[in-house]
Amino acid sequence: MMTFRKLTIEDKQAFLNYWDDWKHTDKIVPFSTRFNRYLNFEEMLSDWQYQESNEDWMKNSTYFYIEDNVIIGAANIRHELTEGFLKRGGHIGYGVAPSFRRKGYATKILLESLK
């Protein structure tokens, strides 16, 4: 079964498996899922909540494409853009874990993001 949703504390092991799939590259996409920026999984979840609700931050949400409790990829959706992101960014950043590439998942993630 496929879901496209935000992570919860129960997703910790699935996320760590997802993160491990990226170990041979420093180009994890979207940037918001770069786990090495955080002390632990709980801090990452807390930061994502902050990014969705704080008035001093460019509001954004991070969602994960999950099939059978395995994280396939992720998308970060910016709700509004700053001047800088209008020129060099965009509303949606998304990526697929290396093990799942070239199977149509990026298209599915983008379509779910647009909803």
PDB file of N, CA and C in Angstrom:
ATOM      1  N   MET A   1       0.835  -1.185   0.000  1.00  0.00           N
ATOM      2  CA  MET A   1       0.000   0.000   0.000  1.00  0.00           C
ATOM      3  C   MET A   1       0.883   1.252   0.000  1.00  0.00           C
ATOM      4  N   MET A   2       0.522   2.238  -0.797  1.00  0.00           N
ATOM      5  CA  MET A   2       1.276   3.472  -0.926  1.00  0.00           C
ATOM      6  C   MET A   2       0.633   4.571  -0.082  1.00  0.00           C
ATOM      7  N   THR A   3       1.490   5.351   0.593  1.00  0.00           N
ATOM      8  CA  THR A   3       1.032   6.554   1.272  1.00  0.00           C
ATOM      9  C   THR A   3       2.011   7.674   0.962  1.00  0.00           C
ATOM     10  N   PHE A   4       1.524   8.887   1.023  1.00  0.00           N
ATOM     11  CA  PHE A   4       2.343  10.089   0.855  1.00  0.00           C
ATOM     12  C   PHE A   4       1.996  10.961   2.051  1.00  0.00           C
ATOM     13  N   ARG A   5       2.915  11.036   3.013  1.00  0.00           N
ATOM     14  CA  ARG A   5       2.569  11.674   4.265  1.00  0.00           C
ATOM     15  C   ARG A   5       3.808  12.161   5.009  1.00  0.00           C
ATOM     16  N   LYS A   6       3.548  12.896   6.069  1.00  0.00           N
ATOM     17  CA  LYS A   6       4.609  13.322   6.978  1.00  0.00           C
ATOM     18  C   LYS A   6       4.989  12.144   7.858  1.00  0.00           C
ATOM     19  N   LEU A   7       6.220  12.166   8.339  1.00  0.00           N
ATOM     20  CA  LEU A   7       6.678  11.094   9.212  1.00  0.00           C
ATOM     21  C   LEU A   7       6.236  11.326  10.650  1.00  0.00           C
ATOM     22  N   THR A   8       6.172  10.242  11.386  1.00  0.00           N
ATOM     23  CA  THR A   8       5.911  10.271  12.825  1.00  0.00           C
ATOM     24  C   THR A   8       7.050   9.532  13.521  1.00  0.00           C
ATOM     25  N   ILE A   9       7.042   9.566  14.825  1.00  0.00           N
ATOM     26  CA  ILE A   9       8.091   8.888  15.589  1.00  0.00           C
ATOM     27  C   ILE A   9       8.130   7.388  15.263  1.00  0.00           C
ATOM     28  N   GLU A  10       6.999   6.815  14.898  1.00  0.00           N
ATOM     29  CA  GLU A  10       6.945   5.394  14.562  1.00  0.00           C
ATOM     30  C   GLU A  10       7.701   5.063  13.276  1.00  0.00           C
ATOM     31  N   ASP A  11       8.034   6.066  12.498  1.00  0.00           N
ATOM     32  CA  ASP A  11       8.739   5.865  11.224  1.00  0.00           C
ATOM     33  C   ASP A  11      10.255   5.920  11.360  1.00  0.00           C
ATOM     34  N   LYS A  12      10.746   5.970  12.571  1.00  0.00           N
ATOM     35  CA  LYS A  12      12.183   6.164  12.787  1.00  0.00           C
ATOM     36  C   LYS A  12      13.027   5.121  12.050  1.00  0.00           C
ATOM     37  N   GLN A  13      12.749   3.851  12.227  1.00  0.00           N
ATOM     38  CA  GLN A  13      13.575   2.821  11.591  1.00  0.00           C
ATOM     39  C   GLN A  13      13.458   2.879  10.070  1.00  0.00           C
ATOM     40  N   ALA A  14      12.271   3.107   9.562  1.00  0.00           N
ATOM     41  CA  ALA A  14      12.103   3.221   8.108  1.00  0.00           C
ATOM     42  C   ALA A  14      12.921   4.393   7.575  1.00  0.00           C
ATOM     43  N   PHE A  15      12.944   5.517   8.321  1.00  0.00           N
ATOM     44  CA  PHE A  15      13.732   6.660   7.882  1.00  0.00           C
ATOM     45  C   PHE A  15      15.222   6.340   7.936  1.00  0.00           C
ATOM     46  N   LEU A  16      15.674   5.685   8.997  1.00  0.00           N
ATOM     47  CA  LEU A  16      17.103   5.345   9.097  1.00  0.00           C
ATOM     48  C   LEU A  16      17.515   4.415   7.958  1.00  0.00           C
ATOM     49  N   ASN A  17      16.638   3.522   7.547  1.00  0.00           N
ATOM     50  CA  ASN A  17      16.915   2.670   6.380  1.00  0.00           C
ATOM     51  C   ASN A  17      17.005   3.515   5.110  1.00  0.00           C
ATOM     52  N   TYR A  18      16.095   4.461   4.977  1.00  0.00           N
ATOM     53  CA  TYR A  18      16.094   5.387   3.833  1.00  0.00           C
ATOM     54  C   TYR A  18      17.396   6.180   3.806  1.00  0.00           C
ATOM     55  N   TRP A  19      17.771   6.715   4.950  1.00  0.00           N
ATOM     56  CA  TRP A  19      19.009   7.506   5.060  1.00  0.00           C
ATOM     57  C   TRP A  19      20.211   6.649   4.683  1.00  0.00           C
ATOM     58  N   ASP A  20      20.234   5.416   5.115  1.00  0.00           N
ATOM     59  CA  ASP A  20      21.340   4.511   4.819  1.00  0.00           C
ATOM     60  C   ASP A  20      21.477   4.281   3.316  1.00  0.00           C
ATOM     61  N   ASP A  21      20.377   4.322   2.599  1.00  0.00           N
ATOM     62  CA  ASP A  21      20.405   4.128   1.147  1.00  0.00           C
ATOM     63  C   ASP A  21      21.165   5.258   0.447  1.00  0.00           C
ATOM     64  N   TRP A  22      21.286   6.400   1.089  1.00  0.00           N
ATOM     65  CA  TRP A  22      21.971   7.558   0.511  1.00  0.00           C
ATOM     66  C   TRP A  22      23.443   7.631   0.924  1.00  0.00           C
ATOM     67  N   LYS A  23      23.980   6.636   1.606  1.00  0.00           N
ATOM     68  CA  LYS A  23      25.304   6.748   2.212  1.00  0.00           C
ATOM     69  C   LYS A  23      26.450   6.985   1.223  1.00  0.00           C
ATOM     70  N   HIS A  24      26.252   6.689  -0.033  1.00  0.00           N
ATOM     71  CA  HIS A  24      27.332   6.845  -1.006  1.00  0.00           C
ATOM     72  C   HIS A  24      27.252   8.163  -1.772  1.00  0.00           C
ATOM     73  N   THR A  25      26.420   9.079  -1.289  1.00  0.00           N
ATOM     74  CA  THR A  25      26.320  10.385  -1.945  1.00  0.00           C
ATOM     75  C   THR A  25      26.048  11.456  -0.903  1.00  0.00           C
ATOM     76  N   ASP A  26      26.500  12.655  -1.164  1.00  0.00           N
ATOM     77  CA  ASP A  26      26.181  13.776  -0.273  1.00  0.00           C
ATOM     78  C   ASP A  26      25.109  14.655  -0.905  1.00  0.00           C
ATOM     79  N   LYS A  27      24.453  14.161  -1.917  1.00  0.00           N
ATOM     80  CA  LYS A  27      23.463  14.929  -2.671  1.00  0.00           C
ATOM     81  C   LYS A  27      22.037  14.512  -2.340  1.00  0.00           C
ATOM     82  N   ILE A  28      21.751  14.206  -1.087  1.00  0.00           N
ATOM     83  CA  ILE A  28      20.403  13.784  -0.726  1.00  0.00           C
ATOM     84  C   ILE A  28      19.394  14.883  -1.058  1.00  0.00           C
ATOM     85  N   VAL A  29      18.317  14.480  -1.663  1.00  0.00           N
ATOM     86  CA  VAL A  29      17.284  15.407  -2.104  1.00  0.00           C
ATOM     87  C   VAL A  29      15.954  14.891  -1.593  1.00  0.00           C
ATOM     88  N   PRO A  30      15.113  15.737  -1.053  1.00  0.00           N
ATOM     89  CA  PRO A  30      15.345  17.160  -0.821  1.00  0.00           C
ATOM     90  C   PRO A  30      16.270  17.399   0.365  1.00  0.00           C
ATOM     91  N   PHE A  31      16.859  18.595   0.373  1.00  0.00           N
ATOM     92  CA  PHE A  31      17.833  18.962   1.400  1.00  0.00           C
ATOM     93  C   PHE A  31      17.252  18.819   2.797  1.00  0.00           C
ATOM     94  N   SER A  32      15.962  19.069   2.954  1.00  0.00           N
ATOM     95  CA  SER A  32      15.334  18.998   4.275  1.00  0.00           C
ATOM     96  C   SER A  32      15.458  17.613   4.904  1.00  0.00           C
ATOM     97  N   THR A  33      15.713  16.583   4.106  1.00  0.00           N
ATOM     98  CA  THR A  33      15.829  15.235   4.640  1.00  0.00           C
ATOM     99  C   THR A  33      17.269  14.850   4.966  1.00  0.00           C
ATOM    100  N   ARG A  34      18.185  15.801   4.896  1.00  0.00           N
ATOM    101  CA  ARG A  34      19.595  15.526   5.189  1.00  0.00           C
ATOM    102  C   ARG A  34      19.758  15.338   6.700  1.00  0.00           C
ATOM    103  N   PHE A  35      19.705  14.100   7.136  1.00  0.00           N
ATOM    104  CA  PHE A  35      19.659  13.734   8.544  1.00  0.00           C
ATOM    105  C   PHE A  35      20.898  14.174   9.327  1.00  0.00           C
ATOM    106  N   ASN A  36      22.049  14.261   8.678  1.00  0.00           N
ATOM    107  CA  ASN A  36      23.270  14.610   9.406  1.00  0.00           C
ATOM    108  C   ASN A  36      23.282  16.055   9.896  1.00  0.00           C
ATOM    109  N   ARG A  37      22.261  16.819   9.599  1.00  0.00           N
ATOM    110  CA  ARG A  37      22.134  18.186  10.131  1.00  0.00           C
ATOM    111  C   ARG A  37      21.544  18.185  11.536  1.00  0.00           C
ATOM    112  N   TYR A  38      21.085  17.035  11.996  1.00  0.00           N
ATOM    113  CA  TYR A  38      20.357  16.944  13.264  1.00  0.00           C
ATOM    114  C   TYR A  38      21.076  16.030  14.246  1.00  0.00           C
ATOM    115  N   LEU A  39      20.777  16.209  15.520  1.00  0.00           N
ATOM    116  CA  LEU A  39      21.340  15.345  16.553  1.00  0.00           C
ATOM    117  C   LEU A  39      20.678  13.975  16.561  1.00  0.00           C
ATOM    118  N   ASN A  40      19.388  13.943  16.229  1.00  0.00           N
ATOM    119  CA  ASN A  40      18.657  12.686  16.245  1.00  0.00           C
ATOM    120  C   ASN A  40      17.358  12.833  15.449  1.00  0.00           C
ATOM    121  N   PHE A  41      16.654  11.736  15.306  1.00  0.00           N
ATOM    122  CA  PHE A  41      15.414  11.701  14.529  1.00  0.00           C
ATOM    123  C   PHE A  41      14.352  12.622  15.120  1.00  0.00           C
ATOM    124  N   GLU A  42      14.249  12.625  16.442  1.00  0.00           N
ATOM    125  CA  GLU A  42      13.255  13.444  17.108  1.00  0.00           C
ATOM    126  C   GLU A  42      13.490  14.936  16.855  1.00  0.00           C
ATOM    127  N   GLU A  43      14.748  15.360  16.850  1.00  0.00           N
ATOM    128  CA  GLU A  43      15.060  16.759  16.551  1.00  0.00           C
ATOM    129  C   GLU A  43      14.664  17.109  15.124  1.00  0.00           C
ATOM    130  N   MET A  44      14.867  16.187  14.213  1.00  0.00           N
ATOM    131  CA  MET A  44      14.493  16.422  12.818  1.00  0.00           C
ATOM    132  C   MET A  44      12.979  16.609  12.696  1.00  0.00           C
ATOM    133  N   LEU A  45      12.200  15.743  13.334  1.00  0.00           N
ATOM    134  CA  LEU A  45      10.742  15.888  13.297  1.00  0.00           C
ATOM    135  C   LEU A  45      10.315  17.224  13.890  1.00  0.00           C
ATOM    136  N   SER A  46      10.940  17.613  14.982  1.00  0.00           N
ATOM    137  CA  SER A  46      10.619  18.881  15.633  1.00  0.00           C
ATOM    138  C   SER A  46      10.942  20.060  14.712  1.00  0.00           C
ATOM    139  N   ASP A  47      12.067  19.986  14.026  1.00  0.00           N
ATOM    140  CA  ASP A  47      12.450  21.059  13.101  1.00  0.00           C
ATOM    141  C   ASP A  47      11.459  21.160  11.956  1.00  0.00           C
ATOM    142  N   TRP A  48      10.989  20.036  11.449  1.00  0.00           N
ATOM    143  CA  TRP A  48       9.998  20.067  10.366  1.00  0.00           C
ATOM    144  C   TRP A  48       8.707  20.718  10.840  1.00  0.00           C
ATOM    145  N   GLN A  49       8.302  20.451  12.064  1.00  0.00           N
ATOM    146  CA  GLN A  49       7.098  21.101  12.604  1.00  0.00           C
ATOM    147  C   GLN A  49       7.311  22.606  12.699  1.00  0.00           C
ATOM    148  N   TYR A  50       8.480  23.010  13.139  1.00  0.00           N
ATOM    149  CA  TYR A  50       8.818  24.432  13.241  1.00  0.00           C
ATOM    150  C   TYR A  50       8.746  25.090  11.862  1.00  0.00           C
ATOM    151  N   GLN A  51       9.298  24.438  10.875  1.00  0.00           N
ATOM    152  CA  GLN A  51       9.333  25.011   9.530  1.00  0.00           C
ATOM    153  C   GLN A  51       7.939  25.177   8.931  1.00  0.00           C
ATOM    154  N   GLU A  52       6.985  24.417   9.406  1.00  0.00           N
ATOM    155  CA  GLU A  52       5.611  24.546   8.914  1.00  0.00           C
ATOM    156  C   GLU A  52       4.834  25.658   9.600  1.00  0.00           C
ATOM    157  N   SER A  53       5.257  26.042  10.796  1.00  0.00           N
ATOM    158  CA  SER A  53       4.406  26.914  11.594  1.00  0.00           C
ATOM    159  C   SER A  53       5.008  28.266  11.969  1.00  0.00           C
ATOM    160  N   ASN A  54       6.303  28.436  11.871  1.00  0.00           N
ATOM    161  CA  ASN A  54       6.921  29.666  12.350  1.00  0.00           C
ATOM    162  C   ASN A  54       6.776  30.788  11.335  1.00  0.00           C
ATOM    163  N   GLU A  55       6.391  31.954  11.821  1.00  0.00           N
ATOM    164  CA  GLU A  55       6.202  33.122  10.945  1.00  0.00           C
ATOM    165  C   GLU A  55       7.516  33.689  10.415  1.00  0.00           C
ATOM    166  N   ASP A  56       8.633  33.392  11.082  1.00  0.00           N
ATOM    167  CA  ASP A  56       9.933  33.931  10.674  1.00  0.00           C
ATOM    168  C   ASP A  56      10.663  33.033   9.686  1.00  0.00           C
ATOM    169  N   TRP A  57       9.999  32.046   9.189  1.00  0.00           N
ATOM    170  CA  TRP A  57      10.635  31.043   8.334  1.00  0.00           C
ATOM    171  C   TRP A  57       9.813  30.891   7.057  1.00  0.00           C
ATOM    172  N   MET A  58      10.463  30.553   5.969  1.00  0.00           N
ATOM    173  CA  MET A  58       9.736  30.255   4.745  1.00  0.00           C
ATOM    174  C   MET A  58       9.013  28.921   4.979  1.00  0.00           C
ATOM    175  N   LYS A  59       7.715  28.985   5.113  1.00  0.00           N
ATOM    176  CA  LYS A  59       6.949  27.792   5.475  1.00  0.00           C
ATOM    177  C   LYS A  59       7.107  26.702   4.424  1.00  0.00           C
ATOM    178  N   ASN A  60       7.356  25.506   4.922  1.00  0.00           N
ATOM    179  CA  ASN A  60       7.497  24.358   4.034  1.00  0.00           C
ATOM    180  C   ASN A  60       7.101  23.094   4.772  1.00  0.00           C
ATOM    181  N   SER A  61       6.758  22.073   4.003  1.00  0.00           N
ATOM    182  CA  SER A  61       6.344  20.781   4.542  1.00  0.00           C
ATOM    183  C   SER A  61       7.116  19.672   3.847  1.00  0.00           C
ATOM    184  N   THR A  62       7.474  18.659   4.613  1.00  0.00           N
ATOM    185  CA  THR A  62       8.207  17.519   4.064  1.00  0.00           C
ATOM    186  C   THR A  62       7.331  16.275   4.153  1.00  0.00           C
ATOM    187  N   TYR A  63       7.136  15.637   3.000  1.00  0.00           N
ATOM    188  CA  TYR A  63       6.311  14.438   2.887  1.00  0.00           C
ATOM    189  C   TYR A  63       7.155  13.286   2.333  1.00  0.00           C
ATOM    190  N   PHE A  64       6.736  12.087   2.649  1.00  0.00           N
ATOM    191  CA  PHE A  64       7.462  10.904   2.204  1.00  0.00           C
ATOM    192  C   PHE A  64       6.538   9.968   1.440  1.00  0.00           C
ATOM    193  N   TYR A  65       7.070   9.413   0.379  1.00  0.00           N
ATOM    194  CA  TYR A  65       6.372   8.416  -0.426  1.00  0.00           C
ATOM    195  C   TYR A  65       6.774   7.059   0.150  1.00  0.00           C
ATOM    196  N   ILE A  66       5.784   6.341   0.673  1.00  0.00           N
ATOM    197  CA  ILE A  66       6.044   5.107   1.406  1.00  0.00           C
ATOM    198  C   ILE A  66       5.211   3.984   0.805  1.00  0.00           C
ATOM    199  N   GLU A  67       5.861   2.856   0.549  1.00  0.00           N
ATOM    200  CA  GLU A  67       5.163   1.647   0.086  1.00  0.00           C
ATOM    201  C   GLU A  67       5.520   0.510   1.016  1.00  0.00           C
ATOM    202  N   ASP A  68       4.514  -0.130   1.578  1.00  0.00           N
ATOM    203  CA  ASP A  68       4.715  -1.277   2.465  1.00  0.00           C
ATOM    204  C   ASP A  68       5.741  -0.975   3.560  1.00  0.00           C
ATOM    205  N   ASN A  69       5.606   0.183   4.176  1.00  0.00           N
ATOM    206  CA  ASN A  69       6.466   0.636   5.277  1.00  0.00           C
ATOM    207  C   ASN A  69       7.916   0.881   4.880  1.00  0.00           C
ATOM    208  N   VAL A  70       8.180   1.024   3.597  1.00  0.00           N
ATOM    209  CA  VAL A  70       9.514   1.352   3.095  1.00  0.00           C
ATOM    210  C   VAL A  70       9.449   2.736   2.464  1.00  0.00           C
ATOM    211  N   ILE A  71      10.340   3.628   2.903  1.00  0.00           N
ATOM    212  CA  ILE A  71      10.379   4.975   2.331  1.00  0.00           C
ATOM    213  C   ILE A  71      11.113   4.917   1.002  1.00  0.00           C
ATOM    214  N   ILE A  72      10.413   5.336  -0.043  1.00  0.00           N
ATOM    215  CA  ILE A  72      10.937   5.318  -1.409  1.00  0.00           C
ATOM    216  C   ILE A  72      11.592   6.654  -1.746  1.00  0.00           C
ATOM    217  N   GLY A  73      10.966   7.741  -1.314  1.00  0.00           N
ATOM    218  CA  GLY A  73      11.472   9.068  -1.632  1.00  0.00           C
ATOM    219  C   GLY A  73      10.741  10.113  -0.815  1.00  0.00           C
ATOM    220  N   ALA A  74      11.079  11.365  -1.077  1.00  0.00           N
ATOM    221  CA  ALA A  74      10.518  12.459  -0.287  1.00  0.00           C
ATOM    222  C   ALA A  74      10.342  13.700  -1.144  1.00  0.00           C
ATOM    223  N   ALA A  75       9.510  14.600  -0.636  1.00  0.00           N
ATOM    224  CA  ALA A  75       9.307  15.898  -1.280  1.00  0.00           C
ATOM    225  C   ALA A  75       9.230  16.961  -0.202  1.00  0.00           C
ATOM    226  N   ASN A  76       9.818  18.102  -0.501  1.00  0.00           N
ATOM    227  CA  ASN A  76       9.695  19.262   0.365  1.00  0.00           C
ATOM    228  C   ASN A  76       8.941  20.315  -0.431  1.00  0.00           C
ATOM    229  N   ILE A  77       7.838  20.779   0.146  1.00  0.00           N
ATOM    230  CA  ILE A  77       6.966  21.723  -0.541  1.00  0.00           C
ATOM    231  C   ILE A  77       7.020  23.062   0.177  1.00  0.00           C
ATOM    232  N   ARG A  78       7.454  24.083  -0.540  1.00  0.00           N
ATOM    233  CA  ARG A  78       7.488  25.441   0.006  1.00  0.00           C
ATOM    234  C   ARG A  78       6.159  26.105  -0.325  1.00  0.00           C
ATOM    235  N   HIS A  79       5.485  26.626   0.703  1.00  0.00           N
ATOM    236  CA  HIS A  79       4.143  27.179   0.518  1.00  0.00           C
ATOM    237  C   HIS A  79       4.161  28.552  -0.134  1.00  0.00           C
ATOM    238  N   GLU A  80       5.193  29.311   0.131  1.00  0.00           N
ATOM    239  CA  GLU A  80       5.414  30.609  -0.520  1.00  0.00           C
ATOM    240  C   GLU A  80       6.911  30.746  -0.737  1.00  0.00           C
ATOM    241  N   LEU A  81       7.295  31.525  -1.727  1.00  0.00           N
ATOM    242  CA  LEU A  81       8.714  31.668  -2.030  1.00  0.00           C
ATOM    243  C   LEU A  81       9.233  33.058  -1.698  1.00  0.00           C
ATOM    244  N   THR A  82      10.475  33.103  -1.254  1.00  0.00           N
ATOM    245  CA  THR A  82      11.168  34.374  -1.080  1.00  0.00           C
ATOM    246  C   THR A  82      11.662  34.820  -2.462  1.00  0.00           C
ATOM    247  N   GLU A  83      12.155  36.040  -2.547  1.00  0.00           N
ATOM    248  CA  GLU A  83      12.709  36.527  -3.824  1.00  0.00           C
ATOM    249  C   GLU A  83      13.812  35.609  -4.332  1.00  0.00           C
ATOM    250  N   GLY A  84      14.684  35.188  -3.424  1.00  0.00           N
ATOM    251  CA  GLY A  84      15.786  34.318  -3.825  1.00  0.00           C
ATOM    252  C   GLY A  84      15.311  33.001  -4.403  1.00  0.00           C
ATOM    253  N   PHE A  85      14.301  32.394  -3.777  1.00  0.00           N
ATOM    254  CA  PHE A  85      13.799  31.117  -4.278  1.00  0.00           C
ATOM    255  C   PHE A  85      12.974  31.282  -5.545  1.00  0.00           C
ATOM    256  N   LEU A  86      12.434  32.464  -5.771  1.00  0.00           N
ATOM    257  CA  LEU A  86      11.762  32.697  -7.049  1.00  0.00           C
ATOM    258  C   LEU A  86      12.753  32.614  -8.204  1.00  0.00           C
ATOM    259  N   LYS A  87      14.010  32.989  -7.934  1.00  0.00           N
ATOM    260  CA  LYS A  87      15.034  33.015  -8.982  1.00  0.00           C
ATOM    261  C   LYS A  87      15.847  31.732  -9.064  1.00  0.00           C
ATOM    262  N   ARG A  88      16.059  31.052  -7.941  1.00  0.00           N
ATOM    263  CA  ARG A  88      16.981  29.916  -7.964  1.00  0.00           C
ATOM    264  C   ARG A  88      16.428  28.665  -7.278  1.00  0.00           C
ATOM    265  N   GLY A  89      15.173  28.621  -7.041  1.00  0.00           N
ATOM    266  CA  GLY A  89      14.606  27.476  -6.336  1.00  0.00           C
ATOM    267  C   GLY A  89      13.292  27.069  -6.952  1.00  0.00           C
ATOM    268  N   GLY A  90      12.332  26.952  -6.123  1.00  0.00           N
ATOM    269  CA  GLY A  90      11.010  26.580  -6.588  1.00  0.00           C
ATOM    270  C   GLY A  90      10.170  26.117  -5.429  1.00  0.00           C
ATOM    271  N   HIS A  91       8.967  25.708  -5.733  1.00  0.00           N
ATOM    272  CA  HIS A  91       8.035  25.280  -4.698  1.00  0.00           C
ATOM    273  C   HIS A  91       8.250  23.836  -4.251  1.00  0.00           C
ATOM    274  N   ILE A  92       8.772  22.983  -5.113  1.00  0.00           N
ATOM    275  CA  ILE A  92       8.858  21.563  -4.791  1.00  0.00           C
ATOM    276  C   ILE A  92      10.270  21.052  -5.068  1.00  0.00           C
ATOM    277  N   GLY A  93      10.846  20.421  -4.044  1.00  0.00           N
ATOM    278  CA  GLY A  93      12.097  19.689  -4.202  1.00  0.00           C
ATOM    279  C   GLY A  93      11.796  18.238  -3.867  1.00  0.00           C
ATOM    280  N   TYR A  94      12.228  17.314  -4.687  1.00  0.00           N
ATOM    281  CA  TYR A  94      11.895  15.921  -4.413  1.00  0.00           C
ATOM    282  C   TYR A  94      13.019  15.008  -4.875  1.00  0.00           C
ATOM    283  N   GLY A  95      13.063  13.839  -4.263  1.00  0.00           N
ATOM    284  CA  GLY A  95      14.093  12.888  -4.612  1.00  0.00           C
ATOM    285  C   GLY A  95      13.654  11.472  -4.315  1.00  0.00           C
ATOM    286  N   VAL A  96      14.336  10.534  -4.938  1.00  0.00           N
ATOM    287  CA  VAL A  96      14.066   9.114  -4.787  1.00  0.00           C
ATOM    288  C   VAL A  96      15.348   8.461  -4.284  1.00  0.00           C
ATOM    289  N   ALA A  97      15.213   7.593  -3.297  1.00  0.00           N
ATOM    290  CA  ALA A  97      16.375   6.874  -2.780  1.00  0.00           C
ATOM    291  C   ALA A  97      17.059   6.115  -3.914  1.00  0.00           C
ATOM    292  N   PRO A  98      18.383   6.048  -3.894  1.00  0.00           N
ATOM    293  CA  PRO A  98      19.111   5.410  -4.993  1.00  0.00           C
ATOM    294  C   PRO A  98      18.617   4.010  -5.376  1.00  0.00           C
ATOM    295  N   SER A  99      18.214   3.214  -4.413  1.00  0.00           N
ATOM    296  CA  SER A  99      17.775   1.838  -4.715  1.00  0.00           C
ATOM    297  C   SER A  99      16.475   1.767  -5.506  1.00  0.00           C
ATOM    298  N   PHE A 100      15.736   2.875  -5.562  1.00  0.00           N
ATOM    299  CA  PHE A 100      14.416   2.850  -6.191  1.00  0.00           C
ATOM    300  C   PHE A 100      14.315   3.715  -7.446  1.00  0.00           C
ATOM    301  N   ARG A 101      15.431   4.172  -7.931  1.00  0.00           N
ATOM    302  CA  ARG A 101      15.408   5.061  -9.100  1.00  0.00           C
ATOM    303  C   ARG A 101      15.105   4.304 -10.392  1.00  0.00           C
ATOM    304  N   ARG A 102      14.635   5.068 -11.375  1.00  0.00           N
ATOM    305  CA  ARG A 102      14.341   4.578 -12.724  1.00  0.00           C
ATOM    306  C   ARG A 102      13.190   3.575 -12.731  1.00  0.00           C
ATOM    307  N   LYS A 103      12.240   3.814 -11.809  1.00  0.00           N
ATOM    308  CA  LYS A 103      11.063   2.944 -11.726  1.00  0.00           C
ATOM    309  C   LYS A 103       9.775   3.766 -11.729  1.00  0.00           C
ATOM    310  N   GLY A 104       9.873   5.059 -12.035  1.00  0.00           N
ATOM    311  CA  GLY A 104       8.688   5.904 -12.113  1.00  0.00           C
ATOM    312  C   GLY A 104       8.293   6.576 -10.811  1.00  0.00           C
ATOM    313  N   TYR A 105       9.071   6.388  -9.753  1.00  0.00           N
ATOM    314  CA  TYR A 105       8.693   6.960  -8.465  1.00  0.00           C
ATOM    315  C   TYR A 105       8.791   8.483  -8.428  1.00  0.00           C
ATOM    316  N   ALA A 106       9.747   9.063  -9.112  1.00  0.00           N
ATOM    317  CA  ALA A 106       9.874  10.528  -9.096  1.00  0.00           C
ATOM    318  C   ALA A 106       8.610  11.177  -9.655  1.00  0.00           C
ATOM    319  N   THR A 107       8.075  10.612 -10.709  1.00  0.00           N
ATOM    320  CA  THR A 107       6.830  11.126 -11.279  1.00  0.00           C
ATOM    321  C   THR A 107       5.694  11.019 -10.274  1.00  0.00           C
ATOM    322  N   LYS A 108       5.603   9.887  -9.591  1.00  0.00           N
ATOM    323  CA  LYS A 108       4.552   9.696  -8.588  1.00  0.00           C
ATOM    324  C   LYS A 108       4.693  10.693  -7.443  1.00  0.00           C
ATOM    325  N   ILE A 109       5.928  10.928  -6.994  1.00  0.00           N
ATOM    326  CA  ILE A 109       6.154  11.878  -5.903  1.00  0.00           C
ATOM    327  C   ILE A 109       5.770  13.283  -6.334  1.00  0.00           C
ATOM    328  N   LEU A 110       6.152  13.678  -7.525  1.00  0.00           N
ATOM    329  CA  LEU A 110       5.790  15.000  -8.016  1.00  0.00           C
ATOM    330  C   LEU A 110       4.262  15.147  -8.131  1.00  0.00           C
ATOM    331  N   LEU A 111       3.610  14.144  -8.661  1.00  0.00           N
ATOM    332  CA  LEU A 111       2.152  14.207  -8.789  1.00  0.00           C
ATOM    333  C   LEU A 111       1.476  14.322  -7.412  1.00  0.00           C
ATOM    334  N   GLU A 112       1.956  13.569  -6.452  1.00  0.00           N
ATOM    335  CA  GLU A 112       1.403  13.663  -5.094  1.00  0.00           C
ATOM    336  C   GLU A 112       1.681  15.051  -4.500  1.00  0.00           C
ATOM    337  N   SER A 113       2.835  15.602  -4.768  1.00  0.00           N
ATOM    338  CA  SER A 113       3.196  16.938  -4.260  1.00  0.00           C
ATOM    339  C   SER A 113       2.289  18.019  -4.813  1.00  0.00           C
ATOM    340  N   LEU A 114       1.924  17.877  -6.061  1.00  0.00           N
ATOM    341  CA  LEU A 114       1.068  18.872  -6.705  1.00  0.00           C
ATOM    342  C   LEU A 114      -0.359  18.881  -6.140  1.00  0.00           C
ATOM    343  N   LYS A 115      -0.775  17.748  -5.598  1.00  0.00           N
ATOM    344  CA  LYS A 115      -2.119  17.684  -5.000  1.00  0.00           C
ATOM    345  C   LYS A 115      -2.177  18.606  -3.798  1.00  0.00           C
TER     346      LYS A 115
END
